[in-house]
């Protein structure tokens, strides 16, 4: 990709290349960070019955909460990896940076869990006849 400011790199915009980079980053996140994988699986497991039994608005809320949570989780992983790369020894400032990144991730996970929890509670009466 051509750097607009430095004038270096290849010319032209390639949306498929961008999409491949996105998928590559997501693949690394799923392979190397188990928390990303199980959260995707849990979201999909709740999303499927919501799509079947509820309105599309409920499904879009799950998708939005999952997207925000995954973005925060991936940012947190990237920040931690960069901090570990820059400073391998114990450093109080690095610890604070990692704690702040983890706090942001924790907030997004709490919101994600709340959305999934409300949707699961709304699905229970609809799923009870199927199980009985």
C-alpha atoms as a PDB file:
ATOM      1  CA  UNK A   1       0.000   0.000   0.000  1.00  0.00           C
ATOM      2  CA  UNK A   2       1.315   3.412  -0.925  1.00  0.00           C
ATOM      3  CA  UNK A   3       2.065   5.718   1.988  1.00  0.00           C
ATOM      4  CA  UNK A   4       0.306   8.992   1.164  1.00  0.00           C
ATOM      5  CA  UNK A   5       2.691  11.096   3.189  1.00  0.00           C
ATOM      6  CA  UNK A   6       6.052   9.505   2.444  1.00  0.00           C
ATOM      7  CA  UNK A   7       5.354   8.449  -1.135  1.00  0.00           C
ATOM      8  CA  UNK A   8       6.695   4.955  -0.496  1.00  0.00           C
ATOM      9  CA  UNK A   9       5.182   1.543  -1.189  1.00  0.00           C
ATOM     10  CA  UNK A  10       2.973   0.235  -3.965  1.00  0.00           C
ATOM     11  CA  UNK A  11       0.512   2.414  -5.811  1.00  0.00           C
ATOM     12  CA  UNK A  12      -3.236   1.931  -5.675  1.00  0.00           C
ATOM     13  CA  UNK A  13      -5.871   0.921  -3.183  1.00  0.00           C
ATOM     14  CA  UNK A  14      -6.689  -2.777  -2.975  1.00  0.00           C
ATOM     15  CA  UNK A  15      -9.790  -3.527  -0.880  1.00  0.00           C
ATOM     16  CA  UNK A  16      -9.252  -7.294  -1.137  1.00  0.00           C
ATOM     17  CA  UNK A  17      -5.756  -6.900   0.294  1.00  0.00           C
ATOM     18  CA  UNK A  18      -7.214  -4.953   3.218  1.00  0.00           C
ATOM     19  CA  UNK A  19      -9.799  -7.679   3.746  1.00  0.00           C
ATOM     20  CA  UNK A  20      -7.087 -10.369   3.723  1.00  0.00           C
ATOM     21  CA  UNK A  21      -5.124  -8.383   6.322  1.00  0.00           C
ATOM     22  CA  UNK A  22      -8.229  -8.141   8.511  1.00  0.00           C
ATOM     23  CA  UNK A  23      -8.813 -11.891   8.268  1.00  0.00           C
ATOM     24  CA  UNK A  24      -5.130 -12.571   8.952  1.00  0.00           C
ATOM     25  CA  UNK A  25      -5.226 -10.467  12.104  1.00  0.00           C
ATOM     26  CA  UNK A  26      -8.425 -12.154  13.266  1.00  0.00           C
ATOM     27  CA  UNK A  27      -6.884 -15.554  12.589  1.00  0.00           C
ATOM     28  CA  UNK A  28      -3.851 -14.691  14.730  1.00  0.00           C
ATOM     29  CA  UNK A  29      -6.133 -13.412  17.490  1.00  0.00           C
ATOM     30  CA  UNK A  30      -8.197 -16.620  17.465  1.00  0.00           C
ATOM     31  CA  UNK A  31      -5.158 -18.930  17.323  1.00  0.00           C
ATOM     32  CA  UNK A  32      -3.005 -17.193  19.925  1.00  0.00           C
ATOM     33  CA  UNK A  33      -5.642 -15.768  22.276  1.00  0.00           C
ATOM     34  CA  UNK A  34      -8.127 -18.381  23.492  1.00  0.00           C
ATOM     35  CA  UNK A  35     -10.327 -15.702  25.070  1.00  0.00           C
ATOM     36  CA  UNK A  36     -11.150 -14.381  21.593  1.00  0.00           C
ATOM     37  CA  UNK A  37     -12.093 -17.846  20.323  1.00  0.00           C
ATOM     38  CA  UNK A  38     -14.440 -18.799  23.135  1.00  0.00           C
ATOM     39  CA  UNK A  39     -16.148 -15.398  23.046  1.00  0.00           C
ATOM     40  CA  UNK A  40     -16.822 -15.741  19.326  1.00  0.00           C
ATOM     41  CA  UNK A  41     -18.213 -19.247  19.873  1.00  0.00           C
ATOM     42  CA  UNK A  42     -20.434 -18.089  22.758  1.00  0.00           C
ATOM     43  CA  UNK A  43     -21.732 -15.141  20.747  1.00  0.00           C
ATOM     44  CA  UNK A  44     -22.578 -17.317  17.762  1.00  0.00           C
ATOM     45  CA  UNK A  45     -24.272 -19.864  20.054  1.00  0.00           C
ATOM     46  CA  UNK A  46     -26.568 -17.134  21.391  1.00  0.00           C
ATOM     47  CA  UNK A  47     -26.933 -15.352  18.047  1.00  0.00           C
ATOM     48  CA  UNK A  48     -28.395 -18.328  16.165  1.00  0.00           C
ATOM     49  CA  UNK A  49     -31.470 -18.822  18.400  1.00  0.00           C
ATOM     50  CA  UNK A  50     -31.950 -15.048  18.621  1.00  0.00           C
ATOM     51  CA  UNK A  51     -32.074 -14.892  14.820  1.00  0.00           C
ATOM     52  CA  UNK A  52     -34.621 -17.698  14.781  1.00  0.00           C
ATOM     53  CA  UNK A  53     -36.912 -16.576  17.623  1.00  0.00           C
ATOM     54  CA  UNK A  54     -36.429 -12.814  18.019  1.00  0.00           C
ATOM     55  CA  UNK A  55     -36.291  -9.636  16.006  1.00  0.00           C
ATOM     56  CA  UNK A  56     -33.321  -8.641  13.917  1.00  0.00           C
ATOM     57  CA  UNK A  57     -32.716  -5.714  16.286  1.00  0.00           C
ATOM     58  CA  UNK A  58     -31.803  -8.136  19.080  1.00  0.00           C
ATOM     59  CA  UNK A  59     -29.366  -9.922  16.780  1.00  0.00           C
ATOM     60  CA  UNK A  60     -27.808  -6.650  15.694  1.00  0.00           C
ATOM     61  CA  UNK A  61     -27.334  -5.705  19.350  1.00  0.00           C
ATOM     62  CA  UNK A  62     -25.459  -8.978  19.950  1.00  0.00           C
ATOM     63  CA  UNK A  63     -23.331  -8.396  16.861  1.00  0.00           C
ATOM     64  CA  UNK A  64     -22.544  -4.840  17.967  1.00  0.00           C
ATOM     65  CA  UNK A  65     -21.648  -5.850  21.538  1.00  0.00           C
ATOM     66  CA  UNK A  66     -19.531  -8.743  20.258  1.00  0.00           C
ATOM     67  CA  UNK A  67     -17.729  -6.499  17.778  1.00  0.00           C
ATOM     68  CA  UNK A  68     -16.904  -3.893  20.418  1.00  0.00           C
ATOM     69  CA  UNK A  69     -15.753  -6.586  22.844  1.00  0.00           C
ATOM     70  CA  UNK A  70     -13.574  -8.312  20.227  1.00  0.00           C
ATOM     71  CA  UNK A  71     -12.029  -5.012  19.156  1.00  0.00           C
ATOM     72  CA  UNK A  72     -11.218  -4.165  22.780  1.00  0.00           C
ATOM     73  CA  UNK A  73      -9.818  -7.655  23.375  1.00  0.00           C
ATOM     74  CA  UNK A  74      -7.624  -7.459  20.273  1.00  0.00           C
ATOM     75  CA  UNK A  75      -6.434  -3.935  21.141  1.00  0.00           C
ATOM     76  CA  UNK A  76      -5.583  -5.160  24.639  1.00  0.00           C
ATOM     77  CA  UNK A  77      -3.617  -8.087  23.221  1.00  0.00           C
ATOM     78  CA  UNK A  78      -1.768  -5.779  20.814  1.00  0.00           C
ATOM     79  CA  UNK A  79      -0.941  -3.284  23.572  1.00  0.00           C
ATOM     80  CA  UNK A  80       0.332  -6.028  25.872  1.00  0.00           C
ATOM     81  CA  UNK A  81       2.433  -7.568  23.095  1.00  0.00           C
ATOM     82  CA  UNK A  82       3.913  -4.197  22.172  1.00  0.00           C
ATOM     83  CA  UNK A  83       4.708  -3.416  25.818  1.00  0.00           C
ATOM     84  CA  UNK A  84       6.371  -6.816  26.263  1.00  0.00           C
ATOM     85  CA  UNK A  85       8.361  -6.239  23.079  1.00  0.00           C
ATOM     86  CA  UNK A  86       9.526  -2.791  24.145  1.00  0.00           C
ATOM     87  CA  UNK A  87      10.395  -3.689  27.741  1.00  0.00           C
ATOM     88  CA  UNK A  88      11.082  -7.294  28.740  1.00  0.00           C
ATOM     89  CA  UNK A  89      11.976  -6.454  32.332  1.00  0.00           C
ATOM     90  CA  UNK A  90       9.528  -5.408  35.044  1.00  0.00           C
ATOM     91  CA  UNK A  91       8.532  -1.783  34.632  1.00  0.00           C
ATOM     92  CA  UNK A  92       5.931   0.024  36.740  1.00  0.00           C
ATOM     93  CA  UNK A  93       4.876   2.265  33.833  1.00  0.00           C
ATOM     94  CA  UNK A  94       4.336  -0.737  31.554  1.00  0.00           C
ATOM     95  CA  UNK A  95       2.264  -2.358  34.303  1.00  0.00           C
ATOM     96  CA  UNK A  96       0.018   0.724  34.472  1.00  0.00           C
ATOM     97  CA  UNK A  97      -0.396   0.769  30.680  1.00  0.00           C
ATOM     98  CA  UNK A  98      -1.355  -2.912  30.671  1.00  0.00           C
ATOM     99  CA  UNK A  99      -3.774  -2.410  33.566  1.00  0.00           C
ATOM    100  CA  UNK A 100      -5.530   0.448  31.785  1.00  0.00           C
ATOM    101  CA  UNK A 101      -5.845  -1.612  28.600  1.00  0.00           C
ATOM    102  CA  UNK A 102      -7.200  -4.539  30.625  1.00  0.00           C
ATOM    103  CA  UNK A 103      -9.725  -2.238  32.332  1.00  0.00           C
ATOM    104  CA  UNK A 104     -11.035  -1.051  28.963  1.00  0.00           C
ATOM    105  CA  UNK A 105     -11.358  -4.650  27.851  1.00  0.00           C
ATOM    106  CA  UNK A 106     -13.080  -5.583  31.096  1.00  0.00           C
ATOM    107  CA  UNK A 107     -15.701  -2.872  30.613  1.00  0.00           C
ATOM    108  CA  UNK A 108     -16.465  -4.079  27.088  1.00  0.00           C
ATOM    109  CA  UNK A 109     -16.652  -7.694  28.296  1.00  0.00           C
ATOM    110  CA  UNK A 110     -19.089  -6.673  31.051  1.00  0.00           C
ATOM    111  CA  UNK A 111     -21.356  -4.946  28.499  1.00  0.00           C
ATOM    112  CA  UNK A 112     -21.086  -7.961  26.165  1.00  0.00           C
ATOM    113  CA  UNK A 113     -22.017 -10.339  28.988  1.00  0.00           C
ATOM    114  CA  UNK A 114     -24.970  -8.133  29.953  1.00  0.00           C
ATOM    115  CA  UNK A 115     -26.278  -8.148  26.370  1.00  0.00           C
ATOM    116  CA  UNK A 116     -25.862 -11.919  26.058  1.00  0.00           C
ATOM    117  CA  UNK A 117     -27.413 -12.466  29.484  1.00  0.00           C
ATOM    118  CA  UNK A 118     -30.497 -10.396  28.662  1.00  0.00           C
ATOM    119  CA  UNK A 119     -30.912 -12.224  25.364  1.00  0.00           C
ATOM    120  CA  UNK A 120     -30.534 -15.635  27.014  1.00  0.00           C
ATOM    121  CA  UNK A 121     -33.128 -14.690  29.643  1.00  0.00           C
ATOM    122  CA  UNK A 122     -35.491 -13.585  26.878  1.00  0.00           C
ATOM    123  CA  UNK A 123     -34.914 -16.868  25.008  1.00  0.00           C
ATOM    124  CA  UNK A 124     -35.536 -19.194  27.968  1.00  0.00           C
ATOM    125  CA  UNK A 125     -39.362 -19.115  27.782  1.00  0.00           C
ATOM    126  CA  UNK A 126     -39.216 -19.743  24.042  1.00  0.00           C
ATOM    127  CA  UNK A 127     -36.764 -22.638  24.324  1.00  0.00           C
ATOM    128  CA  UNK A 128     -38.457 -24.362  27.283  1.00  0.00           C
ATOM    129  CA  UNK A 129     -41.162 -26.093  25.142  1.00  0.00           C
ATOM    130  CA  UNK A 130     -38.475 -27.415  22.803  1.00  0.00           C
ATOM    131  CA  UNK A 131     -36.518 -28.999  25.657  1.00  0.00           C
ATOM    132  CA  UNK A 132     -39.515 -30.477  27.521  1.00  0.00           C
END
